[in-house]
């Protein structure tokens, strides 16, 4: 009798475990979706980095112990179409002045569009790139916001879109050159380039921060 009872209990426990596992693994219920653009106070895109958590949209759902992070891409956009459909608190983290928190409800159908406006510690901008032979002169500006001072500043010229210092180079595959900037505005020359298309943007870090603010991207061609 005891053996039969033990078997019944074991079967019930296994059934419950299988049901719970099935529920946990049923990702079809994660049909909440959100996307948007992160902008600065002037209405221009705040440029992130797809390959790192430089600027992230952070969402904390009702009952969650830890937030979900969505990386902001180089073009300033973000998206996640596999969220659990419920209400979240959302805010921006990165090299920005403290972001406001907003409530977003992902229980409806379709993709919810939620834009954010924040103030970057350093506003970096590339205005122009003038090609001369195998070099390019990059005109740029850096604006120090909210009392922050520029601690590090550099320009990236790469065959890869939205480059950073970590993009690097791989022989015969892609190339990136990093040049230090002499001041917070003006022009800087990037030389020693080969023929081809290059993507250029600026990176600047505020004193006391460990993260870079990135500029918009321009594209030039070396004949």
C-alpha atoms as a PDB file:
ATOM      1  CA  UNK A   1       0.000   0.000   0.000  1.00  0.00           C
ATOM      2  CA  UNK A   2       2.860   2.339   0.931  1.00  0.00           C
ATOM      3  CA  UNK A   3       4.568   1.578  -2.363  1.00  0.00           C
ATOM      4  CA  UNK A   4       1.413   2.436  -4.325  1.00  0.00           C
ATOM      5  CA  UNK A   5       1.007   5.680  -2.379  1.00  0.00           C
ATOM      6  CA  UNK A   6       4.633   6.612  -3.036  1.00  0.00           C
ATOM      7  CA  UNK A   7       4.164   5.989  -6.758  1.00  0.00           C
ATOM      8  CA  UNK A   8       1.039   8.176  -6.838  1.00  0.00           C
ATOM      9  CA  UNK A   9       2.814  11.016  -5.022  1.00  0.00           C
ATOM     10  CA  UNK A  10       5.806  10.740  -7.355  1.00  0.00           C
ATOM     11  CA  UNK A  11       3.582  10.883 -10.437  1.00  0.00           C
ATOM     12  CA  UNK A  12       1.747  13.951  -9.090  1.00  0.00           C
ATOM     13  CA  UNK A  13       5.010  15.743  -8.309  1.00  0.00           C
ATOM     14  CA  UNK A  14       6.412  14.970 -11.745  1.00  0.00           C
ATOM     15  CA  UNK A  15       3.229  16.244 -13.375  1.00  0.00           C
ATOM     16  CA  UNK A  16       3.362  19.524 -11.448  1.00  0.00           C
ATOM     17  CA  UNK A  17       7.040  19.946 -12.304  1.00  0.00           C
ATOM     18  CA  UNK A  18       6.375  19.349 -15.997  1.00  0.00           C
ATOM     19  CA  UNK A  19       3.501  21.846 -15.980  1.00  0.00           C
ATOM     20  CA  UNK A  20       5.657  24.485 -14.262  1.00  0.00           C
ATOM     21  CA  UNK A  21       8.541  23.900 -16.691  1.00  0.00           C
ATOM     22  CA  UNK A  22       6.122  24.111 -19.593  1.00  0.00           C
ATOM     23  CA  UNK A  23       4.855  27.452 -18.319  1.00  0.00           C
ATOM     24  CA  UNK A  24       8.375  28.810 -17.834  1.00  0.00           C
ATOM     25  CA  UNK A  25       9.453  27.742 -21.294  1.00  0.00           C
ATOM     26  CA  UNK A  26       6.333  29.058 -23.055  1.00  0.00           C
ATOM     27  CA  UNK A  27       7.881  32.152 -24.599  1.00  0.00           C
ATOM     28  CA  UNK A  28       4.903  32.628 -26.916  1.00  0.00           C
ATOM     29  CA  UNK A  29       3.282  34.607 -24.092  1.00  0.00           C
ATOM     30  CA  UNK A  30       6.110  37.175 -24.304  1.00  0.00           C
ATOM     31  CA  UNK A  31       4.345  39.232 -26.947  1.00  0.00           C
ATOM     32  CA  UNK A  32       4.702  42.665 -25.379  1.00  0.00           C
ATOM     33  CA  UNK A  33       6.694  45.042 -27.580  1.00  0.00           C
ATOM     34  CA  UNK A  34       8.269  48.463 -27.211  1.00  0.00           C
ATOM     35  CA  UNK A  35      10.429  50.687 -29.370  1.00  0.00           C
ATOM     36  CA  UNK A  36      11.408  54.319 -29.614  1.00  0.00           C
ATOM     37  CA  UNK A  37      14.122  56.931 -29.924  1.00  0.00           C
ATOM     38  CA  UNK A  38      16.276  58.524 -27.253  1.00  0.00           C
ATOM     39  CA  UNK A  39      16.856  62.229 -27.939  1.00  0.00           C
ATOM     40  CA  UNK A  40      18.674  65.151 -26.373  1.00  0.00           C
ATOM     41  CA  UNK A  41      17.051  68.424 -25.354  1.00  0.00           C
ATOM     42  CA  UNK A  42      17.447  69.871 -28.849  1.00  0.00           C
ATOM     43  CA  UNK A  43      15.489  66.990 -30.368  1.00  0.00           C
ATOM     44  CA  UNK A  44      18.487  65.235 -31.915  1.00  0.00           C
ATOM     45  CA  UNK A  45      19.093  61.509 -31.476  1.00  0.00           C
ATOM     46  CA  UNK A  46      21.267  60.444 -28.535  1.00  0.00           C
ATOM     47  CA  UNK A  47      23.636  57.921 -30.084  1.00  0.00           C
ATOM     48  CA  UNK A  48      24.408  54.676 -28.291  1.00  0.00           C
ATOM     49  CA  UNK A  49      26.381  51.538 -29.055  1.00  0.00           C
ATOM     50  CA  UNK A  50      24.766  48.258 -30.126  1.00  0.00           C
ATOM     51  CA  UNK A  51      27.777  46.284 -28.829  1.00  0.00           C
ATOM     52  CA  UNK A  52      27.750  47.551 -25.245  1.00  0.00           C
ATOM     53  CA  UNK A  53      25.490  48.806 -22.464  1.00  0.00           C
ATOM     54  CA  UNK A  54      26.683  52.370 -22.996  1.00  0.00           C
ATOM     55  CA  UNK A  55      23.163  53.814 -23.034  1.00  0.00           C
ATOM     56  CA  UNK A  56      20.274  51.570 -22.054  1.00  0.00           C
ATOM     57  CA  UNK A  57      16.529  51.747 -21.653  1.00  0.00           C
ATOM     58  CA  UNK A  58      15.786  50.052 -18.337  1.00  0.00           C
ATOM     59  CA  UNK A  59      12.338  48.566 -17.648  1.00  0.00           C
ATOM     60  CA  UNK A  60      11.180  47.225 -14.286  1.00  0.00           C
ATOM     61  CA  UNK A  61       7.903  45.302 -14.467  1.00  0.00           C
ATOM     62  CA  UNK A  62       5.339  44.857 -11.742  1.00  0.00           C
ATOM     63  CA  UNK A  63       6.553  42.087  -9.454  1.00  0.00           C
ATOM     64  CA  UNK A  64      10.009  41.874 -11.093  1.00  0.00           C
ATOM     65  CA  UNK A  65      13.112  41.669  -8.907  1.00  0.00           C
ATOM     66  CA  UNK A  66      15.473  43.006 -11.573  1.00  0.00           C
ATOM     67  CA  UNK A  67      14.989  45.221 -14.648  1.00  0.00           C
ATOM     68  CA  UNK A  68      15.190  44.353 -18.335  1.00  0.00           C
ATOM     69  CA  UNK A  69      17.814  46.338 -20.228  1.00  0.00           C
ATOM     70  CA  UNK A  70      17.531  47.345 -23.893  1.00  0.00           C
ATOM     71  CA  UNK A  71      20.590  48.757 -25.630  1.00  0.00           C
ATOM     72  CA  UNK A  72      20.286  52.024 -27.536  1.00  0.00           C
ATOM     73  CA  UNK A  73      21.739  51.652 -31.035  1.00  0.00           C
ATOM     74  CA  UNK A  74      24.137  53.971 -32.786  1.00  0.00           C
ATOM     75  CA  UNK A  75      21.242  55.715 -34.525  1.00  0.00           C
ATOM     76  CA  UNK A  76      19.528  56.472 -31.209  1.00  0.00           C
ATOM     77  CA  UNK A  77      16.782  53.854 -31.565  1.00  0.00           C
ATOM     78  CA  UNK A  78      15.911  50.880 -29.359  1.00  0.00           C
ATOM     79  CA  UNK A  79      13.479  47.973 -29.599  1.00  0.00           C
ATOM     80  CA  UNK A  80      12.414  44.778 -27.835  1.00  0.00           C
ATOM     81  CA  UNK A  81       9.535  42.670 -29.172  1.00  0.00           C
ATOM     82  CA  UNK A  82       9.791  39.844 -26.616  1.00  0.00           C
ATOM     83  CA  UNK A  83       8.584  41.471 -23.412  1.00  0.00           C
ATOM     84  CA  UNK A  84       6.041  40.000 -21.005  1.00  0.00           C
ATOM     85  CA  UNK A  85       2.814  42.044 -21.502  1.00  0.00           C
ATOM     86  CA  UNK A  86       2.399  44.048 -18.308  1.00  0.00           C
ATOM     87  CA  UNK A  87       3.047  47.503 -16.859  1.00  0.00           C
ATOM     88  CA  UNK A  88       6.660  48.670 -16.489  1.00  0.00           C
ATOM     89  CA  UNK A  89       8.531  51.618 -15.068  1.00  0.00           C
ATOM     90  CA  UNK A  90      11.029  52.801 -17.692  1.00  0.00           C
ATOM     91  CA  UNK A  91      14.001  55.150 -17.609  1.00  0.00           C
ATOM     92  CA  UNK A  92      17.389  55.796 -19.275  1.00  0.00           C
ATOM     93  CA  UNK A  93      20.777  54.970 -17.775  1.00  0.00           C
ATOM     94  CA  UNK A  94      24.182  55.921 -19.147  1.00  0.00           C
ATOM     95  CA  UNK A  95      26.304  59.082 -19.461  1.00  0.00           C
ATOM     96  CA  UNK A  96      23.261  61.323 -19.005  1.00  0.00           C
ATOM     97  CA  UNK A  97      21.806  63.612 -16.365  1.00  0.00           C
ATOM     98  CA  UNK A  98      19.364  61.582 -14.230  1.00  0.00           C
ATOM     99  CA  UNK A  99      16.436  60.454 -16.360  1.00  0.00           C
ATOM    100  CA  UNK A 100      12.763  60.807 -15.485  1.00  0.00           C
ATOM    101  CA  UNK A 101      10.855  57.557 -14.907  1.00  0.00           C
ATOM    102  CA  UNK A 102       7.733  56.875 -16.948  1.00  0.00           C
ATOM    103  CA  UNK A 103       5.078  54.171 -16.811  1.00  0.00           C
ATOM    104  CA  UNK A 104       4.569  52.054 -19.933  1.00  0.00           C
ATOM    105  CA  UNK A 105       1.816  49.495 -20.454  1.00  0.00           C
ATOM    106  CA  UNK A 106       2.761  46.668 -22.825  1.00  0.00           C
ATOM    107  CA  UNK A 107      -0.552  44.827 -22.428  1.00  0.00           C
ATOM    108  CA  UNK A 108      -2.059  46.235 -25.600  1.00  0.00           C
ATOM    109  CA  UNK A 109      -1.676  44.903 -29.142  1.00  0.00           C
ATOM    110  CA  UNK A 110       1.133  45.991 -31.425  1.00  0.00           C
ATOM    111  CA  UNK A 111       4.382  47.780 -30.599  1.00  0.00           C
ATOM    112  CA  UNK A 112       4.233  50.595 -28.079  1.00  0.00           C
ATOM    113  CA  UNK A 113       6.269  53.639 -29.107  1.00  0.00           C
ATOM    114  CA  UNK A 114       7.976  55.383 -26.188  1.00  0.00           C
ATOM    115  CA  UNK A 115      10.531  58.130 -26.872  1.00  0.00           C
ATOM    116  CA  UNK A 116      12.784  59.616 -24.205  1.00  0.00           C
ATOM    117  CA  UNK A 117      14.354  63.060 -23.904  1.00  0.00           C
ATOM    118  CA  UNK A 118      17.478  63.277 -21.726  1.00  0.00           C
ATOM    119  CA  UNK A 119      20.481  65.541 -21.271  1.00  0.00           C
ATOM    120  CA  UNK A 120      23.833  63.935 -22.176  1.00  0.00           C
ATOM    121  CA  UNK A 121      26.802  64.739 -19.932  1.00  0.00           C
ATOM    122  CA  UNK A 122      28.685  65.772 -23.082  1.00  0.00           C
ATOM    123  CA  UNK A 123      26.902  66.640 -26.315  1.00  0.00           C
ATOM    124  CA  UNK A 124      29.178  65.556 -29.176  1.00  0.00           C
ATOM    125  CA  UNK A 125      28.558  66.564 -32.773  1.00  0.00           C
ATOM    126  CA  UNK A 126      30.325  66.035 -36.107  1.00  0.00           C
ATOM    127  CA  UNK A 127      29.580  68.775 -38.612  1.00  0.00           C
ATOM    128  CA  UNK A 128      31.620  67.858 -41.655  1.00  0.00           C
ATOM    129  CA  UNK A 129      34.442  65.819 -43.112  1.00  0.00           C
ATOM    130  CA  UNK A 130      36.684  67.272 -45.828  1.00  0.00           C
ATOM    131  CA  UNK A 131      38.665  64.754 -47.882  1.00  0.00           C
ATOM    132  CA  UNK A 132      42.131  65.630 -49.164  1.00  0.00           C
ATOM    133  CA  UNK A 133      44.150  62.840 -50.758  1.00  0.00           C
ATOM    134  CA  UNK A 134      44.275  59.924 -48.304  1.00  0.00           C
ATOM    135  CA  UNK A 135      43.193  61.958 -45.301  1.00  0.00           C
ATOM    136  CA  UNK A 136      40.075  63.655 -43.956  1.00  0.00           C
ATOM    137  CA  UNK A 137      39.671  66.725 -41.753  1.00  0.00           C
ATOM    138  CA  UNK A 138      36.784  66.326 -39.329  1.00  0.00           C
ATOM    139  CA  UNK A 139      34.983  69.418 -37.993  1.00  0.00           C
ATOM    140  CA  UNK A 140      33.378  68.793 -34.603  1.00  0.00           C
ATOM    141  CA  UNK A 141      32.109  70.365 -31.379  1.00  0.00           C
ATOM    142  CA  UNK A 142      31.690  69.194 -27.775  1.00  0.00           C
ATOM    143  CA  UNK A 143      29.242  70.856 -25.392  1.00  0.00           C
ATOM    144  CA  UNK A 144      29.768  70.349 -21.662  1.00  0.00           C
ATOM    145  CA  UNK A 145      26.349  70.060 -19.966  1.00  0.00           C
ATOM    146  CA  UNK A 146      25.222  70.481 -16.349  1.00  0.00           C
ATOM    147  CA  UNK A 147      28.672  71.453 -15.049  1.00  0.00           C
ATOM    148  CA  UNK A 148      30.411  68.430 -16.563  1.00  0.00           C
ATOM    149  CA  UNK A 149      33.902  68.803 -18.040  1.00  0.00           C
ATOM    150  CA  UNK A 150      35.395  66.770 -20.890  1.00  0.00           C
ATOM    151  CA  UNK A 151      37.995  64.322 -19.567  1.00  0.00           C
ATOM    152  CA  UNK A 152      38.619  62.296 -22.752  1.00  0.00           C
ATOM    153  CA  UNK A 153      37.856  63.043 -26.388  1.00  0.00           C
ATOM    154  CA  UNK A 154      38.606  61.194 -29.639  1.00  0.00           C
ATOM    155  CA  UNK A 155      37.421  60.647 -33.190  1.00  0.00           C
ATOM    156  CA  UNK A 156      36.861  57.238 -34.766  1.00  0.00           C
ATOM    157  CA  UNK A 157      37.257  56.641 -38.497  1.00  0.00           C
ATOM    158  CA  UNK A 158      36.253  53.125 -39.491  1.00  0.00           C
ATOM    159  CA  UNK A 159      35.025  50.922 -42.313  1.00  0.00           C
ATOM    160  CA  UNK A 160      32.418  49.703 -39.778  1.00  0.00           C
ATOM    161  CA  UNK A 161      29.272  51.788 -39.048  1.00  0.00           C
ATOM    162  CA  UNK A 162      28.976  53.586 -35.692  1.00  0.00           C
ATOM    163  CA  UNK A 163      32.539  52.852 -34.568  1.00  0.00           C
ATOM    164  CA  UNK A 164      33.978  53.152 -31.051  1.00  0.00           C
ATOM    165  CA  UNK A 165      37.460  52.675 -29.607  1.00  0.00           C
ATOM    166  CA  UNK A 166      36.680  48.974 -29.133  1.00  0.00           C
ATOM    167  CA  UNK A 167      35.821  48.424 -32.800  1.00  0.00           C
ATOM    168  CA  UNK A 168      39.489  47.958 -33.686  1.00  0.00           C
ATOM    169  CA  UNK A 169      40.819  46.492 -36.907  1.00  0.00           C
ATOM    170  CA  UNK A 170      41.020  43.029 -38.444  1.00  0.00           C
ATOM    171  CA  UNK A 171      43.501  42.592 -41.278  1.00  0.00           C
ATOM    172  CA  UNK A 172      41.820  42.516 -44.694  1.00  0.00           C
ATOM    173  CA  UNK A 173      38.363  42.573 -43.044  1.00  0.00           C
ATOM    174  CA  UNK A 174      37.768  45.950 -41.377  1.00  0.00           C
ATOM    175  CA  UNK A 175      39.809  48.955 -40.276  1.00  0.00           C
ATOM    176  CA  UNK A 176      39.438  51.580 -37.540  1.00  0.00           C
ATOM    177  CA  UNK A 177      41.656  54.518 -36.666  1.00  0.00           C
ATOM    178  CA  UNK A 178      41.289  56.487 -33.422  1.00  0.00           C
ATOM    179  CA  UNK A 179      42.733  60.005 -33.123  1.00  0.00           C
ATOM    180  CA  UNK A 180      42.781  62.127 -29.973  1.00  0.00           C
ATOM    181  CA  UNK A 181      41.083  65.515 -30.229  1.00  0.00           C
ATOM    182  CA  UNK A 182      43.155  68.617 -29.407  1.00  0.00           C
ATOM    183  CA  UNK A 183      40.283  70.741 -28.037  1.00  0.00           C
ATOM    184  CA  UNK A 184      36.527  70.710 -27.425  1.00  0.00           C
ATOM    185  CA  UNK A 185      35.815  72.180 -30.862  1.00  0.00           C
ATOM    186  CA  UNK A 186      37.542  72.722 -34.183  1.00  0.00           C
ATOM    187  CA  UNK A 187      39.002  70.362 -36.740  1.00  0.00           C
ATOM    188  CA  UNK A 188      41.235  67.301 -36.584  1.00  0.00           C
ATOM    189  CA  UNK A 189      42.982  65.402 -39.374  1.00  0.00           C
ATOM    190  CA  UNK A 190      42.790  61.643 -39.771  1.00  0.00           C
ATOM    191  CA  UNK A 191      45.455  60.523 -42.229  1.00  0.00           C
ATOM    192  CA  UNK A 192      46.974  57.314 -43.547  1.00  0.00           C
ATOM    193  CA  UNK A 193      43.678  56.061 -44.978  1.00  0.00           C
ATOM    194  CA  UNK A 194      43.235  53.747 -47.944  1.00  0.00           C
ATOM    195  CA  UNK A 195      40.648  54.125 -50.680  1.00  0.00           C
ATOM    196  CA  UNK A 196      37.111  53.231 -49.616  1.00  0.00           C
ATOM    197  CA  UNK A 197      34.077  54.251 -47.538  1.00  0.00           C
ATOM    198  CA  UNK A 198      34.547  55.381 -43.933  1.00  0.00           C
ATOM    199  CA  UNK A 199      32.174  56.027 -41.035  1.00  0.00           C
ATOM    200  CA  UNK A 200      33.227  58.808 -38.666  1.00  0.00           C
ATOM    201  CA  UNK A 201      31.979  59.853 -35.239  1.00  0.00           C
ATOM    202  CA  UNK A 202      33.224  61.418 -32.007  1.00  0.00           C
ATOM    203  CA  UNK A 203      33.450  59.957 -28.523  1.00  0.00           C
ATOM    204  CA  UNK A 204      33.789  62.116 -25.389  1.00  0.00           C
ATOM    205  CA  UNK A 205      33.825  61.222 -21.699  1.00  0.00           C
ATOM    206  CA  UNK A 206      32.938  63.533 -18.828  1.00  0.00           C
ATOM    207  CA  UNK A 207      35.227  63.785 -15.818  1.00  0.00           C
ATOM    208  CA  UNK A 208      34.111  61.283 -13.176  1.00  0.00           C
ATOM    209  CA  UNK A 209      32.226  59.120 -15.686  1.00  0.00           C
ATOM    210  CA  UNK A 210      33.314  55.761 -17.072  1.00  0.00           C
ATOM    211  CA  UNK A 211      31.079  55.924 -20.151  1.00  0.00           C
ATOM    212  CA  UNK A 212      31.469  57.798 -23.425  1.00  0.00           C
ATOM    213  CA  UNK A 213      28.960  60.072 -25.086  1.00  0.00           C
ATOM    214  CA  UNK A 214      28.926  59.502 -28.848  1.00  0.00           C
ATOM    215  CA  UNK A 215      28.137  61.867 -31.680  1.00  0.00           C
ATOM    216  CA  UNK A 216      26.198  61.502 -34.864  1.00  0.00           C
ATOM    217  CA  UNK A 217      27.891  59.694 -37.751  1.00  0.00           C
ATOM    218  CA  UNK A 218      29.032  61.015 -41.102  1.00  0.00           C
ATOM    219  CA  UNK A 219      30.123  58.950 -44.105  1.00  0.00           C
ATOM    220  CA  UNK A 220      32.998  59.910 -46.388  1.00  0.00           C
ATOM    221  CA  UNK A 221      34.687  58.213 -49.343  1.00  0.00           C
ATOM    222  CA  UNK A 222      38.441  58.235 -49.996  1.00  0.00           C
ATOM    223  CA  UNK A 223      39.031  57.918 -53.781  1.00  0.00           C
END
